[in-house]
Amino acid sequence: MAVYVDRARHPFRGMMMCHMLADSLDELHAMALAIGMKREWFQPISTPHYDLDVELRAMAVERGAIEIDRKRTVQIIREWRKMKLRSADIPVRMI
């Protein structure tokens, strides 16, 4: 199990933002708490994640978050969607 930060750079209110994802919600929220994020910043729709600025990203990496590329980000998103479908009792083959 792990926490990941991607290399995205999306401008938002004068900051450059990226995404923090994880293999589990517990890990994701624990890392967010460790780097001083508020729980209300959690984004559960589609893929559970937090948006991070460059400073928070560096803090997450210092605490063990794994830096990932776009390809790995897409893999993680697909894994979350499969889990969501399974939990809803929808056959995965319908993706």
N, C-alpha and C. Protein backbone atom coordinates (compact mmCIF):
# COMPACT_ATOMS: atom_id res chain seq x y z
N MET A 1 0.85 -1.18 0.00
CA MET A 1 0.00 0.00 0.00
C MET A 1 0.89 1.24 0.00
N ALA A 2 0.38 2.30 -0.64
CA ALA A 2 1.22 3.49 -0.78
C ALA A 2 0.38 4.73 -1.05
N VAL A 3 1.06 5.87 -0.90
CA VAL A 3 0.51 7.18 -1.26
C VAL A 3 1.33 7.69 -2.44
N TYR A 4 0.66 8.33 -3.37
CA TYR A 4 1.31 8.79 -4.60
C TYR A 4 1.05 10.26 -4.85
N VAL A 5 2.00 10.94 -5.49
CA VAL A 5 1.79 12.30 -5.99
C VAL A 5 2.18 12.31 -7.46
N ASP A 6 1.32 12.91 -8.27
CA ASP A 6 1.63 12.94 -9.70
C ASP A 6 2.46 14.17 -10.04
N ARG A 7 2.81 14.27 -11.31
CA ARG A 7 3.65 15.38 -11.77
C ARG A 7 2.84 16.47 -12.48
N ALA A 8 1.54 16.39 -12.34
CA ALA A 8 0.67 17.39 -12.98
C ALA A 8 1.00 18.78 -12.44
N ARG A 9 0.77 19.78 -13.24
CA ARG A 9 0.96 21.18 -12.83
C ARG A 9 -0.20 21.98 -13.38
N HIS A 10 -1.26 22.10 -12.57
CA HIS A 10 -2.47 22.83 -12.97
C HIS A 10 -2.52 24.14 -12.20
N PRO A 11 -2.61 25.27 -12.92
CA PRO A 11 -2.70 26.56 -12.21
C PRO A 11 -4.04 26.71 -11.50
N PHE A 12 -3.98 27.20 -10.25
CA PHE A 12 -5.18 27.46 -9.47
C PHE A 12 -4.87 28.57 -8.48
N ARG A 13 -5.54 29.70 -8.64
CA ARG A 13 -5.38 30.84 -7.73
C ARG A 13 -3.91 31.20 -7.46
N GLY A 14 -3.15 31.27 -8.51
CA GLY A 14 -1.75 31.67 -8.39
C GLY A 14 -0.81 30.57 -7.92
N MET A 15 -1.33 29.35 -7.77
CA MET A 15 -0.50 28.22 -7.35
C MET A 15 -0.48 27.18 -8.46
N MET A 16 0.52 26.30 -8.41
CA MET A 16 0.56 25.16 -9.31
C MET A 16 0.18 23.94 -8.49
N MET A 17 -0.83 23.21 -8.98
CA MET A 17 -1.39 22.10 -8.21
C MET A 17 -1.13 20.76 -8.90
N CYS A 18 -1.05 19.72 -8.06
CA CYS A 18 -0.98 18.35 -8.54
C CYS A 18 -1.94 17.52 -7.69
N HIS A 19 -1.90 16.20 -7.83
CA HIS A 19 -2.84 15.32 -7.14
C HIS A 19 -2.11 14.36 -6.21
N MET A 20 -2.73 14.08 -5.07
CA MET A 20 -2.25 13.05 -4.17
C MET A 20 -3.31 11.96 -4.12
N LEU A 21 -2.89 10.74 -4.43
CA LEU A 21 -3.77 9.57 -4.44
C LEU A 21 -3.16 8.51 -3.54
N ALA A 22 -3.90 7.45 -3.28
CA ALA A 22 -3.36 6.37 -2.46
C ALA A 22 -4.08 5.07 -2.77
N ASP A 23 -3.50 3.98 -2.28
CA ASP A 23 -4.13 2.67 -2.45
C ASP A 23 -5.33 2.50 -1.53
N SER A 24 -5.39 3.27 -0.46
CA SER A 24 -6.53 3.18 0.46
C SER A 24 -6.88 4.57 0.99
N LEU A 25 -8.12 4.73 1.40
CA LEU A 25 -8.55 6.02 1.97
C LEU A 25 -7.84 6.30 3.28
N ASP A 26 -7.59 5.27 4.09
CA ASP A 26 -6.89 5.48 5.36
C ASP A 26 -5.51 6.07 5.13
N GLU A 27 -4.78 5.51 4.17
CA GLU A 27 -3.44 6.03 3.86
C GLU A 27 -3.51 7.46 3.31
N LEU A 28 -4.48 7.70 2.45
CA LEU A 28 -4.63 9.02 1.85
C LEU A 28 -4.90 10.07 2.93
N HIS A 29 -5.85 9.80 3.81
CA HIS A 29 -6.19 10.76 4.86
C HIS A 29 -5.07 10.91 5.88
N ALA A 30 -4.36 9.83 6.17
CA ALA A 30 -3.24 9.91 7.12
C ALA A 30 -2.14 10.81 6.58
N MET A 31 -1.84 10.69 5.30
CA MET A 31 -0.81 11.55 4.71
C MET A 31 -1.29 13.00 4.68
N ALA A 32 -2.53 13.20 4.32
CA ALA A 32 -3.07 14.56 4.28
C ALA A 32 -2.95 15.21 5.66
N LEU A 33 -3.29 14.48 6.69
CA LEU A 33 -3.17 15.00 8.06
C LEU A 33 -1.72 15.28 8.40
N ALA A 34 -0.82 14.39 8.01
CA ALA A 34 0.60 14.54 8.32
C ALA A 34 1.23 15.78 7.69
N ILE A 35 0.68 16.20 6.55
CA ILE A 35 1.26 17.38 5.89
C ILE A 35 0.42 18.63 6.12
N GLY A 36 -0.56 18.53 7.02
CA GLY A 36 -1.31 19.72 7.43
C GLY A 36 -2.50 20.09 6.58
N MET A 37 -3.04 19.15 5.85
CA MET A 37 -4.21 19.44 5.03
C MET A 37 -5.49 19.29 5.83
N LYS A 38 -6.50 20.02 5.43
CA LYS A 38 -7.82 19.92 6.06
C LYS A 38 -8.63 18.81 5.38
N ARG A 39 -9.38 18.09 6.15
CA ARG A 39 -10.20 16.99 5.62
C ARG A 39 -11.21 17.51 4.59
N GLU A 40 -11.66 18.74 4.76
CA GLU A 40 -12.64 19.30 3.83
C GLU A 40 -12.06 19.51 2.43
N TRP A 41 -10.75 19.42 2.28
CA TRP A 41 -10.12 19.55 0.97
C TRP A 41 -10.15 18.23 0.19
N PHE A 42 -10.55 17.15 0.84
CA PHE A 42 -10.65 15.85 0.20
C PHE A 42 -11.67 15.90 -0.92
N GLN A 43 -11.34 15.27 -2.04
CA GLN A 43 -12.23 15.25 -3.20
C GLN A 43 -12.63 13.80 -3.52
N PRO A 44 -13.80 13.39 -3.03
CA PRO A 44 -14.21 11.99 -3.18
C PRO A 44 -14.86 11.64 -4.52
N ILE A 45 -15.30 12.62 -5.27
CA ILE A 45 -15.99 12.36 -6.52
C ILE A 45 -15.00 11.82 -7.55
N SER A 46 -15.42 10.90 -8.35
CA SER A 46 -14.62 10.15 -9.34
C SER A 46 -13.52 9.36 -8.61
N THR A 47 -12.32 9.89 -8.54
CA THR A 47 -11.23 9.21 -7.86
C THR A 47 -10.90 9.96 -6.57
N PRO A 48 -10.90 9.29 -5.42
CA PRO A 48 -10.57 9.98 -4.17
C PRO A 48 -9.15 10.55 -4.22
N HIS A 49 -9.04 11.85 -3.96
CA HIS A 49 -7.72 12.49 -3.99
C HIS A 49 -7.76 13.83 -3.27
N TYR A 50 -6.57 14.38 -3.09
CA TYR A 50 -6.40 15.75 -2.62
C TYR A 50 -5.60 16.48 -3.69
N ASP A 51 -5.89 17.77 -3.88
CA ASP A 51 -5.05 18.62 -4.72
C ASP A 51 -4.00 19.24 -3.83
N LEU A 52 -2.75 19.22 -4.29
CA LEU A 52 -1.64 19.76 -3.51
C LEU A 52 -0.93 20.86 -4.27
N ASP A 53 -0.45 21.86 -3.54
CA ASP A 53 0.43 22.83 -4.18
C ASP A 53 1.85 22.26 -4.12
N VAL A 54 2.80 22.96 -4.70
CA VAL A 54 4.18 22.47 -4.80
C VAL A 54 4.79 22.22 -3.42
N GLU A 55 4.52 23.09 -2.46
CA GLU A 55 5.08 22.94 -1.12
C GLU A 55 4.52 21.70 -0.42
N LEU A 56 3.22 21.50 -0.48
CA LEU A 56 2.62 20.31 0.15
C LEU A 56 3.08 19.03 -0.55
N ARG A 57 3.27 19.11 -1.86
CA ARG A 57 3.77 17.95 -2.60
C ARG A 57 5.14 17.55 -2.08
N ALA A 58 6.01 18.53 -1.90
CA ALA A 58 7.36 18.25 -1.39
C ALA A 58 7.29 17.63 0.01
N MET A 59 6.39 18.12 0.84
CA MET A 59 6.23 17.56 2.18
C MET A 59 5.75 16.10 2.11
N ALA A 60 4.85 15.81 1.20
CA ALA A 60 4.35 14.45 1.05
C ALA A 60 5.48 13.51 0.61
N VAL A 61 6.28 13.97 -0.34
CA VAL A 61 7.41 13.15 -0.81
C VAL A 61 8.39 12.91 0.33
N GLU A 62 8.67 13.94 1.12
CA GLU A 62 9.56 13.78 2.28
C GLU A 62 9.04 12.72 3.25
N ARG A 63 7.73 12.57 3.32
CA ARG A 63 7.11 11.61 4.24
C ARG A 63 6.80 10.27 3.58
N GLY A 64 7.34 10.07 2.38
CA GLY A 64 7.24 8.75 1.75
C GLY A 64 6.32 8.60 0.56
N ALA A 65 5.63 9.67 0.15
CA ALA A 65 4.78 9.57 -1.04
C ALA A 65 5.66 9.26 -2.26
N ILE A 66 5.14 8.47 -3.14
CA ILE A 66 5.85 8.04 -4.33
C ILE A 66 5.47 8.94 -5.49
N GLU A 67 6.48 9.48 -6.17
CA GLU A 67 6.24 10.32 -7.34
C GLU A 67 5.91 9.42 -8.53
N ILE A 68 4.83 9.77 -9.23
CA ILE A 68 4.39 8.94 -10.35
C ILE A 68 4.16 9.79 -11.60
N ASP A 69 4.22 9.11 -12.74
CA ASP A 69 3.96 9.78 -14.02
C ASP A 69 2.48 9.64 -14.39
N ARG A 70 2.13 10.22 -15.50
CA ARG A 70 0.73 10.22 -15.94
C ARG A 70 0.20 8.80 -16.16
N LYS A 71 1.04 7.94 -16.71
CA LYS A 71 0.62 6.56 -16.98
C LYS A 71 0.22 5.86 -15.69
N ARG A 72 1.01 6.00 -14.64
CA ARG A 72 0.70 5.36 -13.36
C ARG A 72 -0.54 6.01 -12.72
N THR A 73 -0.70 7.32 -12.90
CA THR A 73 -1.88 8.01 -12.38
C THR A 73 -3.14 7.41 -12.99
N VAL A 74 -3.12 7.20 -14.29
CA VAL A 74 -4.28 6.61 -14.99
C VAL A 74 -4.53 5.20 -14.47
N GLN A 75 -3.48 4.41 -14.23
CA GLN A 75 -3.65 3.06 -13.70
C GLN A 75 -4.35 3.09 -12.33
N ILE A 76 -3.94 4.00 -11.47
CA ILE A 76 -4.53 4.11 -10.14
C ILE A 76 -6.00 4.51 -10.24
N ILE A 77 -6.30 5.45 -11.12
CA ILE A 77 -7.69 5.87 -11.32
C ILE A 77 -8.54 4.69 -11.78
N ARG A 78 -8.02 3.91 -12.70
CA ARG A 78 -8.76 2.74 -13.19
C ARG A 78 -8.97 1.72 -12.07
N GLU A 79 -7.97 1.52 -11.22
CA GLU A 79 -8.10 0.59 -10.10
C GLU A 79 -9.20 1.05 -9.14
N TRP A 80 -9.25 2.35 -8.85
CA TRP A 80 -10.31 2.88 -7.97
C TRP A 80 -11.68 2.67 -8.59
N ARG A 81 -11.79 2.91 -9.89
CA ARG A 81 -13.08 2.75 -10.56
C ARG A 81 -13.53 1.29 -10.54
N LYS A 82 -12.59 0.37 -10.72
CA LYS A 82 -12.93 -1.05 -10.65
C LYS A 82 -13.43 -1.41 -9.25
N MET A 83 -12.75 -0.92 -8.23
CA MET A 83 -13.18 -1.19 -6.85
C MET A 83 -14.58 -0.63 -6.61
N LYS A 84 -14.82 0.57 -7.13
CA LYS A 84 -16.13 1.20 -6.96
C LYS A 84 -17.22 0.36 -7.62
N LEU A 85 -16.94 -0.13 -8.81
CA LEU A 85 -17.91 -0.96 -9.52
C LEU A 85 -18.15 -2.26 -8.77
N ARG A 86 -17.09 -2.87 -8.27
CA ARG A 86 -17.24 -4.13 -7.53
C ARG A 86 -18.08 -3.93 -6.28
N SER A 87 -17.86 -2.82 -5.60
CA SER A 87 -18.61 -2.59 -4.37
C SER A 87 -20.08 -2.32 -4.66
N ALA A 88 -20.39 -1.93 -5.87
CA ALA A 88 -21.78 -1.68 -6.26
C ALA A 88 -22.41 -2.92 -6.91
N ASP A 89 -21.66 -4.03 -6.90
CA ASP A 89 -22.13 -5.28 -7.50
C ASP A 89 -22.41 -5.16 -8.99
N ILE A 90 -21.64 -4.33 -9.67
CA ILE A 90 -21.76 -4.20 -11.11
C ILE A 90 -20.60 -4.99 -11.71
N PRO A 91 -20.83 -5.88 -12.66
CA PRO A 91 -19.74 -6.65 -13.24
C PRO A 91 -18.66 -5.75 -13.83
N VAL A 92 -17.41 -6.04 -13.54
CA VAL A 92 -16.30 -5.24 -14.03
C VAL A 92 -16.24 -5.24 -15.54
N ARG A 93 -16.68 -6.34 -16.19
CA ARG A 93 -16.61 -6.43 -17.64
C ARG A 93 -17.42 -5.34 -18.34
N MET A 94 -18.26 -4.63 -17.62
CA MET A 94 -19.08 -3.57 -18.21
C MET A 94 -18.33 -2.26 -18.34
N ILE A 95 -17.09 -2.22 -17.93
CA ILE A 95 -16.30 -0.96 -17.99
C ILE A 95 -16.04 -0.61 -19.44
